[in-house]
């Protein structure tokens, strides 16, 4: 069965788990040829091709992107899903926390985009989709470093959309709410009561539950689709209503 992504090559960073894997699967199901960039790209579905890449290392990124282009003959879609979190206030965060989170979440995204741009310019359907967060637009407790990094990703998205619209490259991002992924499971282990914190994360969404990776993947697929050719410089909330809804507590 044909899909809107037939013949297109998609690169998904952090594509071995969570939002990245769900996105890679969604694009594959819709006809794309999918290359996953990850620190641990083993055990991917057979139809996906894995490339080991560390987004905090430019040489690693350049080699992986070159490998994708060599294997598939080009690149049409780049999804920047690789990222890490951090817990704490500015008072609690060490300089090393700031350096590591920004190096991966912000500069890592820029590295992948920079390496991909020569190939994207050759595509008739070029698009970049970054994964930002509701943390870019909402004050979340004890997420100072992470929130600042995702705010930077949001700003970077708008800047790149402006810089590359003349190249025929669309640049958008998604702002997910808290997503039920292994990424969140690891983050919860930093709290004294992970079960209580998980319940609080569910309750924070107006829908009463965390967002699923598949829901975010669907939004990314929309933004990446050739059918969305007039959508650029857009941030799409997939947040269970966190940003705009103010629901009264029951009872």
C-alpha atoms as a PDB file:
ATOM      1  CA  UNK A   1       0.000   0.000   0.000  1.00  0.00           C
ATOM      2  CA  UNK A   2       1.359   3.413  -0.951  1.00  0.00           C
ATOM      3  CA  UNK A   3       1.733   6.267   1.522  1.00  0.00           C
ATOM      4  CA  UNK A   4       2.493   9.971   1.420  1.00  0.00           C
ATOM      5  CA  UNK A   5       6.137   9.289   2.337  1.00  0.00           C
ATOM      6  CA  UNK A   6       6.829   6.844  -0.507  1.00  0.00           C
ATOM      7  CA  UNK A   7      10.364   7.293  -1.830  1.00  0.00           C
ATOM      8  CA  UNK A   8      11.437   9.658   0.941  1.00  0.00           C
ATOM      9  CA  UNK A   9      14.360   9.045   3.292  1.00  0.00           C
ATOM     10  CA  UNK A  10      13.851   9.955   6.941  1.00  0.00           C
ATOM     11  CA  UNK A  11      16.514  10.299   9.622  1.00  0.00           C
ATOM     12  CA  UNK A  12      15.304   9.970  13.222  1.00  0.00           C
ATOM     13  CA  UNK A  13      17.738  10.677  16.053  1.00  0.00           C
ATOM     14  CA  UNK A  14      17.147   8.927  19.358  1.00  0.00           C
ATOM     15  CA  UNK A  15      15.110   6.526  17.259  1.00  0.00           C
ATOM     16  CA  UNK A  16      15.760   3.340  19.224  1.00  0.00           C
ATOM     17  CA  UNK A  17      13.182   4.043  21.944  1.00  0.00           C
ATOM     18  CA  UNK A  18      10.355   6.290  23.108  1.00  0.00           C
ATOM     19  CA  UNK A  19       9.177   9.117  20.855  1.00  0.00           C
ATOM     20  CA  UNK A  20      11.979   8.431  18.381  1.00  0.00           C
ATOM     21  CA  UNK A  21      11.059   4.772  17.878  1.00  0.00           C
ATOM     22  CA  UNK A  22       7.348   5.568  17.625  1.00  0.00           C
ATOM     23  CA  UNK A  23       8.146   8.232  15.018  1.00  0.00           C
ATOM     24  CA  UNK A  24      10.434   5.959  13.031  1.00  0.00           C
ATOM     25  CA  UNK A  25       7.685   3.318  13.038  1.00  0.00           C
ATOM     26  CA  UNK A  26       5.009   5.808  11.945  1.00  0.00           C
ATOM     27  CA  UNK A  27       7.117   7.102   9.057  1.00  0.00           C
ATOM     28  CA  UNK A  28       8.008   3.563   8.011  1.00  0.00           C
ATOM     29  CA  UNK A  29       4.340   2.555   8.015  1.00  0.00           C
ATOM     30  CA  UNK A  30       3.560   5.522   5.757  1.00  0.00           C
ATOM     31  CA  UNK A  31       6.131   4.589   3.156  1.00  0.00           C
ATOM     32  CA  UNK A  32       9.388   6.254   4.182  1.00  0.00           C
ATOM     33  CA  UNK A  33      12.762   4.583   4.230  1.00  0.00           C
ATOM     34  CA  UNK A  34      13.971   5.126   7.772  1.00  0.00           C
ATOM     35  CA  UNK A  35      17.463   5.566   9.189  1.00  0.00           C
ATOM     36  CA  UNK A  36      17.743   5.590  12.975  1.00  0.00           C
ATOM     37  CA  UNK A  37      20.616   7.469  14.631  1.00  0.00           C
ATOM     38  CA  UNK A  38      21.159   6.385  18.202  1.00  0.00           C
ATOM     39  CA  UNK A  39      23.853   5.503  20.717  1.00  0.00           C
ATOM     40  CA  UNK A  40      22.434   1.964  20.759  1.00  0.00           C
ATOM     41  CA  UNK A  41      20.765   1.239  17.409  1.00  0.00           C
ATOM     42  CA  UNK A  42      20.636  -2.536  17.913  1.00  0.00           C
ATOM     43  CA  UNK A  43      17.397  -4.554  17.892  1.00  0.00           C
ATOM     44  CA  UNK A  44      15.530  -2.209  15.570  1.00  0.00           C
ATOM     45  CA  UNK A  45      12.703  -3.534  13.388  1.00  0.00           C
ATOM     46  CA  UNK A  46      14.181  -5.166  10.317  1.00  0.00           C
ATOM     47  CA  UNK A  47      12.915  -2.501   7.902  1.00  0.00           C
ATOM     48  CA  UNK A  48      14.826   0.240   9.764  1.00  0.00           C
ATOM     49  CA  UNK A  49      18.548   0.815   9.286  1.00  0.00           C
ATOM     50  CA  UNK A  50      20.496   1.806  12.380  1.00  0.00           C
ATOM     51  CA  UNK A  51      23.535   4.072  12.520  1.00  0.00           C
ATOM     52  CA  UNK A  52      25.440   4.603  15.736  1.00  0.00           C
ATOM     53  CA  UNK A  53      25.735   8.300  16.486  1.00  0.00           C
ATOM     54  CA  UNK A  54      26.529  10.470  19.478  1.00  0.00           C
ATOM     55  CA  UNK A  55      24.863  13.851  18.896  1.00  0.00           C
ATOM     56  CA  UNK A  56      27.305  15.461  21.339  1.00  0.00           C
ATOM     57  CA  UNK A  57      30.172  14.630  18.958  1.00  0.00           C
ATOM     58  CA  UNK A  58      30.281  16.410  15.593  1.00  0.00           C
ATOM     59  CA  UNK A  59      32.538  13.837  13.946  1.00  0.00           C
ATOM     60  CA  UNK A  60      30.154  11.059  14.991  1.00  0.00           C
ATOM     61  CA  UNK A  61      27.148  12.960  13.607  1.00  0.00           C
ATOM     62  CA  UNK A  62      28.908  13.833  10.348  1.00  0.00           C
ATOM     63  CA  UNK A  63      29.921  10.196   9.824  1.00  0.00           C
ATOM     64  CA  UNK A  64      26.430   8.889  10.539  1.00  0.00           C
ATOM     65  CA  UNK A  65      24.714  11.381   8.228  1.00  0.00           C
ATOM     66  CA  UNK A  66      27.234  10.615   5.488  1.00  0.00           C
ATOM     67  CA  UNK A  67      26.484   6.932   6.019  1.00  0.00           C
ATOM     68  CA  UNK A  68      22.750   7.517   5.660  1.00  0.00           C
ATOM     69  CA  UNK A  69      23.179   9.527   2.466  1.00  0.00           C
ATOM     70  CA  UNK A  70      25.533   6.914   1.028  1.00  0.00           C
ATOM     71  CA  UNK A  71      23.182   4.048   1.904  1.00  0.00           C
ATOM     72  CA  UNK A  72      19.942   5.658   0.722  1.00  0.00           C
ATOM     73  CA  UNK A  73      21.145   8.146  -1.876  1.00  0.00           C
ATOM     74  CA  UNK A  74      19.924  11.233  -0.051  1.00  0.00           C
ATOM     75  CA  UNK A  75      17.977  12.643   2.903  1.00  0.00           C
ATOM     76  CA  UNK A  76      14.528  14.263   2.823  1.00  0.00           C
ATOM     77  CA  UNK A  77      13.353  14.343   6.444  1.00  0.00           C
ATOM     78  CA  UNK A  78      15.226  14.898   9.697  1.00  0.00           C
ATOM     79  CA  UNK A  79      13.545  14.351  13.070  1.00  0.00           C
ATOM     80  CA  UNK A  80      15.593  15.473  16.078  1.00  0.00           C
ATOM     81  CA  UNK A  81      14.290  13.366  18.949  1.00  0.00           C
ATOM     82  CA  UNK A  82      17.514  12.651  20.856  1.00  0.00           C
ATOM     83  CA  UNK A  83      17.568  14.366  24.232  1.00  0.00           C
ATOM     84  CA  UNK A  84      18.176  14.105  27.951  1.00  0.00           C
ATOM     85  CA  UNK A  85      16.597  15.609  31.052  1.00  0.00           C
ATOM     86  CA  UNK A  86      17.761  17.101  34.328  1.00  0.00           C
ATOM     87  CA  UNK A  87      16.063  17.611  37.686  1.00  0.00           C
ATOM     88  CA  UNK A  88      16.545  20.627  39.908  1.00  0.00           C
ATOM     89  CA  UNK A  89      16.475  24.394  40.271  1.00  0.00           C
ATOM     90  CA  UNK A  90      19.217  26.758  39.106  1.00  0.00           C
ATOM     91  CA  UNK A  91      20.572  26.640  42.636  1.00  0.00           C
ATOM     92  CA  UNK A  92      20.854  22.855  42.532  1.00  0.00           C
ATOM     93  CA  UNK A  93      22.194  22.506  38.991  1.00  0.00           C
ATOM     94  CA  UNK A  94      25.923  22.145  38.483  1.00  0.00           C
ATOM     95  CA  UNK A  95      27.770  23.714  35.569  1.00  0.00           C
ATOM     96  CA  UNK A  96      28.249  20.199  34.225  1.00  0.00           C
ATOM     97  CA  UNK A  97      24.452  19.739  34.106  1.00  0.00           C
ATOM     98  CA  UNK A  98      24.058  22.866  31.994  1.00  0.00           C
ATOM     99  CA  UNK A  99      26.868  21.847  29.675  1.00  0.00           C
ATOM    100  CA  UNK A 100      25.689  18.289  29.119  1.00  0.00           C
ATOM    101  CA  UNK A 101      21.987  19.033  28.625  1.00  0.00           C
ATOM    102  CA  UNK A 102      22.601  21.919  26.235  1.00  0.00           C
ATOM    103  CA  UNK A 103      25.278  20.002  24.363  1.00  0.00           C
ATOM    104  CA  UNK A 104      22.842  17.185  23.599  1.00  0.00           C
ATOM    105  CA  UNK A 105      19.448  18.896  23.416  1.00  0.00           C
ATOM    106  CA  UNK A 106      20.426  22.118  21.655  1.00  0.00           C
ATOM    107  CA  UNK A 107      23.854  21.859  20.051  1.00  0.00           C
ATOM    108  CA  UNK A 108      23.196  18.202  19.237  1.00  0.00           C
ATOM    109  CA  UNK A 109      20.103  19.207  17.279  1.00  0.00           C
ATOM    110  CA  UNK A 110      22.107  21.884  15.481  1.00  0.00           C
ATOM    111  CA  UNK A 111      24.888  19.422  14.646  1.00  0.00           C
ATOM    112  CA  UNK A 112      22.465  16.977  13.018  1.00  0.00           C
ATOM    113  CA  UNK A 113      20.773  19.767  11.071  1.00  0.00           C
ATOM    114  CA  UNK A 114      24.063  21.235   9.876  1.00  0.00           C
ATOM    115  CA  UNK A 115      25.292  17.844   8.661  1.00  0.00           C
ATOM    116  CA  UNK A 116      21.988  17.163   6.896  1.00  0.00           C
ATOM    117  CA  UNK A 117      21.477  20.520   5.181  1.00  0.00           C
ATOM    118  CA  UNK A 118      23.538  19.785   2.039  1.00  0.00           C
ATOM    119  CA  UNK A 119      21.331  16.749   1.418  1.00  0.00           C
ATOM    120  CA  UNK A 120      18.080  18.446   2.359  1.00  0.00           C
ATOM    121  CA  UNK A 121      18.756  21.212  -0.179  1.00  0.00           C
ATOM    122  CA  UNK A 122      18.691  18.560  -2.913  1.00  0.00           C
ATOM    123  CA  UNK A 123      15.274  17.235  -1.851  1.00  0.00           C
ATOM    124  CA  UNK A 124      11.927  18.282  -3.294  1.00  0.00           C
ATOM    125  CA  UNK A 125      10.255  17.592   0.081  1.00  0.00           C
ATOM    126  CA  UNK A 126      12.829  18.696   2.649  1.00  0.00           C
ATOM    127  CA  UNK A 127      11.732  19.106   6.250  1.00  0.00           C
ATOM    128  CA  UNK A 128      13.185  19.185   9.752  1.00  0.00           C
ATOM    129  CA  UNK A 129      11.056  18.447  12.801  1.00  0.00           C
ATOM    130  CA  UNK A 130      12.560  19.162  16.211  1.00  0.00           C
ATOM    131  CA  UNK A 131      11.252  17.836  19.516  1.00  0.00           C
ATOM    132  CA  UNK A 132      10.868  20.692  21.970  1.00  0.00           C
ATOM    133  CA  UNK A 133       8.592  20.456  25.027  1.00  0.00           C
ATOM    134  CA  UNK A 134       5.833  22.155  26.981  1.00  0.00           C
ATOM    135  CA  UNK A 135       8.729  23.096  29.263  1.00  0.00           C
ATOM    136  CA  UNK A 136       9.637  25.739  26.672  1.00  0.00           C
ATOM    137  CA  UNK A 137       6.367  27.589  27.322  1.00  0.00           C
ATOM    138  CA  UNK A 138       5.302  26.595  30.841  1.00  0.00           C
ATOM    139  CA  UNK A 139       7.055  26.977  34.168  1.00  0.00           C
ATOM    140  CA  UNK A 140       7.561  23.420  35.398  1.00  0.00           C
ATOM    141  CA  UNK A 141       8.910  22.734  38.889  1.00  0.00           C
ATOM    142  CA  UNK A 142      12.521  21.598  39.233  1.00  0.00           C
ATOM    143  CA  UNK A 143      13.192  21.569  35.492  1.00  0.00           C
ATOM    144  CA  UNK A 144      15.306  24.718  35.136  1.00  0.00           C
ATOM    145  CA  UNK A 145      18.067  23.261  32.960  1.00  0.00           C
ATOM    146  CA  UNK A 146      15.785  21.093  30.847  1.00  0.00           C
ATOM    147  CA  UNK A 147      13.259  23.909  30.340  1.00  0.00           C
ATOM    148  CA  UNK A 148      15.962  26.333  29.261  1.00  0.00           C
ATOM    149  CA  UNK A 149      17.295  23.824  26.748  1.00  0.00           C
ATOM    150  CA  UNK A 150      13.862  23.182  25.245  1.00  0.00           C
ATOM    151  CA  UNK A 151      13.190  26.914  25.075  1.00  0.00           C
ATOM    152  CA  UNK A 152      16.376  27.124  23.041  1.00  0.00           C
ATOM    153  CA  UNK A 153      15.160  24.334  20.744  1.00  0.00           C
ATOM    154  CA  UNK A 154      11.934  26.264  20.152  1.00  0.00           C
ATOM    155  CA  UNK A 155      13.845  29.449  19.310  1.00  0.00           C
ATOM    156  CA  UNK A 156      16.267  27.479  17.137  1.00  0.00           C
ATOM    157  CA  UNK A 157      13.320  26.047  15.206  1.00  0.00           C
ATOM    158  CA  UNK A 158      12.014  29.504  14.318  1.00  0.00           C
ATOM    159  CA  UNK A 159      15.512  30.747  13.430  1.00  0.00           C
ATOM    160  CA  UNK A 160      16.219  27.789  11.135  1.00  0.00           C
ATOM    161  CA  UNK A 161      12.777  28.051   9.522  1.00  0.00           C
ATOM    162  CA  UNK A 162      13.635  31.633   8.590  1.00  0.00           C
ATOM    163  CA  UNK A 163      17.167  30.875   7.437  1.00  0.00           C
ATOM    164  CA  UNK A 164      16.241  27.951   5.205  1.00  0.00           C
ATOM    165  CA  UNK A 165      12.809  28.727   3.784  1.00  0.00           C
ATOM    166  CA  UNK A 166      14.528  30.030   0.649  1.00  0.00           C
ATOM    167  CA  UNK A 167      16.291  26.655   0.368  1.00  0.00           C
ATOM    168  CA  UNK A 168      12.908  24.925   0.191  1.00  0.00           C
ATOM    169  CA  UNK A 169      13.404  23.400   3.642  1.00  0.00           C
ATOM    170  CA  UNK A 170      10.537  23.511   6.124  1.00  0.00           C
ATOM    171  CA  UNK A 171      11.419  23.548   9.850  1.00  0.00           C
ATOM    172  CA  UNK A 172       8.862  22.850  12.575  1.00  0.00           C
ATOM    173  CA  UNK A 173       8.744  21.414  16.070  1.00  0.00           C
ATOM    174  CA  UNK A 174       6.432  19.584  18.437  1.00  0.00           C
ATOM    175  CA  UNK A 175       5.915  20.539  22.074  1.00  0.00           C
ATOM    176  CA  UNK A 176       4.935  17.313  23.831  1.00  0.00           C
ATOM    177  CA  UNK A 177       3.532  17.214  27.324  1.00  0.00           C
ATOM    178  CA  UNK A 178       4.942  14.576  29.638  1.00  0.00           C
ATOM    179  CA  UNK A 179       5.192  11.412  27.577  1.00  0.00           C
ATOM    180  CA  UNK A 180       5.112   7.919  29.036  1.00  0.00           C
ATOM    181  CA  UNK A 181       8.503   6.668  27.845  1.00  0.00           C
ATOM    182  CA  UNK A 182      11.627   4.972  29.246  1.00  0.00           C
ATOM    183  CA  UNK A 183      13.103   8.523  29.300  1.00  0.00           C
ATOM    184  CA  UNK A 184      10.458   9.552  31.875  1.00  0.00           C
ATOM    185  CA  UNK A 185      10.833   6.294  33.789  1.00  0.00           C
ATOM    186  CA  UNK A 186      14.535   7.042  34.264  1.00  0.00           C
ATOM    187  CA  UNK A 187      13.809  10.611  35.291  1.00  0.00           C
ATOM    188  CA  UNK A 188      11.298   9.463  37.917  1.00  0.00           C
ATOM    189  CA  UNK A 189      13.971   7.417  39.649  1.00  0.00           C
ATOM    190  CA  UNK A 190      15.585  10.703  40.743  1.00  0.00           C
ATOM    191  CA  UNK A 191      12.619  11.444  43.015  1.00  0.00           C
ATOM    192  CA  UNK A 192      12.145  10.174  46.582  1.00  0.00           C
ATOM    193  CA  UNK A 193       8.711   8.746  45.659  1.00  0.00           C
ATOM    194  CA  UNK A 194       8.614   7.799  41.941  1.00  0.00           C
ATOM    195  CA  UNK A 195       5.070   6.409  42.194  1.00  0.00           C
ATOM    196  CA  UNK A 196       3.710   9.640  43.669  1.00  0.00           C
ATOM    197  CA  UNK A 197       5.571  11.718  41.073  1.00  0.00           C
ATOM    198  CA  UNK A 198       4.187   9.573  38.221  1.00  0.00           C
ATOM    199  CA  UNK A 199       0.652  10.147  39.508  1.00  0.00           C
ATOM    200  CA  UNK A 200       1.343  13.887  39.601  1.00  0.00           C
ATOM    201  CA  UNK A 201       2.570  13.801  36.005  1.00  0.00           C
ATOM    202  CA  UNK A 202      -0.598  12.017  34.899  1.00  0.00           C
ATOM    203  CA  UNK A 203      -2.754  14.543  36.752  1.00  0.00           C
ATOM    204  CA  UNK A 204      -0.956  17.537  35.241  1.00  0.00           C
ATOM    205  CA  UNK A 205      -2.509  16.887  31.820  1.00  0.00           C
ATOM    206  CA  UNK A 206      -6.127  18.049  31.497  1.00  0.00           C
ATOM    207  CA  UNK A 207      -6.802  14.657  29.921  1.00  0.00           C
ATOM    208  CA  UNK A 208      -5.725  12.993  33.188  1.00  0.00           C
ATOM    209  CA  UNK A 209      -2.927  10.923  31.674  1.00  0.00           C
ATOM    210  CA  UNK A 210       0.479  11.266  30.150  1.00  0.00           C
ATOM    211  CA  UNK A 211       0.825  11.593  26.396  1.00  0.00           C
ATOM    212  CA  UNK A 212       1.714   8.437  24.435  1.00  0.00           C
ATOM    213  CA  UNK A 213       4.739   8.247  22.122  1.00  0.00           C
ATOM    214  CA  UNK A 214       2.426   7.316  19.267  1.00  0.00           C
ATOM    215  CA  UNK A 215       0.434  10.532  19.712  1.00  0.00           C
ATOM    216  CA  UNK A 216       3.598  12.603  19.409  1.00  0.00           C
ATOM    217  CA  UNK A 217       4.714  10.521  16.433  1.00  0.00           C
ATOM    218  CA  UNK A 218       1.435  11.278  14.681  1.00  0.00           C
ATOM    219  CA  UNK A 219       2.013  15.016  15.098  1.00  0.00           C
ATOM    220  CA  UNK A 220       5.581  14.701  13.822  1.00  0.00           C
ATOM    221  CA  UNK A 221       4.371  12.729  10.800  1.00  0.00           C
ATOM    222  CA  UNK A 222       1.862  15.492  10.033  1.00  0.00           C
ATOM    223  CA  UNK A 223       4.551  18.179  10.153  1.00  0.00           C
ATOM    224  CA  UNK A 224       6.954  16.065   8.085  1.00  0.00           C
ATOM    225  CA  UNK A 225       4.431  15.095   5.422  1.00  0.00           C
ATOM    226  CA  UNK A 226       4.653  16.461   1.865  1.00  0.00           C
ATOM    227  CA  UNK A 227       0.921  17.134   2.318  1.00  0.00           C
ATOM    228  CA  UNK A 228       1.885  19.889   4.813  1.00  0.00           C
ATOM    229  CA  UNK A 229       3.926  21.928   2.374  1.00  0.00           C
ATOM    230  CA  UNK A 230       2.708  25.293   3.701  1.00  0.00           C
ATOM    231  CA  UNK A 231       3.486  24.512   7.337  1.00  0.00           C
ATOM    232  CA  UNK A 232       6.815  25.921   8.451  1.00  0.00           C
ATOM    233  CA  UNK A 233       7.993  27.800  11.525  1.00  0.00           C
ATOM    234  CA  UNK A 234       5.224  26.087  13.496  1.00  0.00           C
ATOM    235  CA  UNK A 235       5.269  24.646  17.023  1.00  0.00           C
ATOM    236  CA  UNK A 236       2.553  22.038  17.516  1.00  0.00           C
ATOM    237  CA  UNK A 237       1.460  21.303  21.095  1.00  0.00           C
ATOM    238  CA  UNK A 238       0.785  17.642  21.904  1.00  0.00           C
ATOM    239  CA  UNK A 239       0.300  18.207  25.585  1.00  0.00           C
ATOM    240  CA  UNK A 240      -3.027  16.894  26.834  1.00  0.00           C
ATOM    241  CA  UNK A 241      -4.181  20.480  27.297  1.00  0.00           C
ATOM    242  CA  UNK A 242      -1.446  21.630  29.692  1.00  0.00           C
ATOM    243  CA  UNK A 243      -0.600  24.859  27.919  1.00  0.00           C
ATOM    244  CA  UNK A 244      -4.050  26.316  27.324  1.00  0.00           C
ATOM    245  CA  UNK A 245      -6.671  24.455  29.361  1.00  0.00           C
ATOM    246  CA  UNK A 246      -7.550  25.272  32.961  1.00  0.00           C
ATOM    247  CA  UNK A 247      -9.858  22.475  34.067  1.00  0.00           C
ATOM    248  CA  UNK A 248     -11.570  22.703  37.443  1.00  0.00           C
ATOM    249  CA  UNK A 249     -10.764  19.852  39.853  1.00  0.00           C
ATOM    250  CA  UNK A 250     -13.548  17.297  40.240  1.00  0.00           C
ATOM    251  CA  UNK A 251     -15.594  17.290  43.399  1.00  0.00           C
END
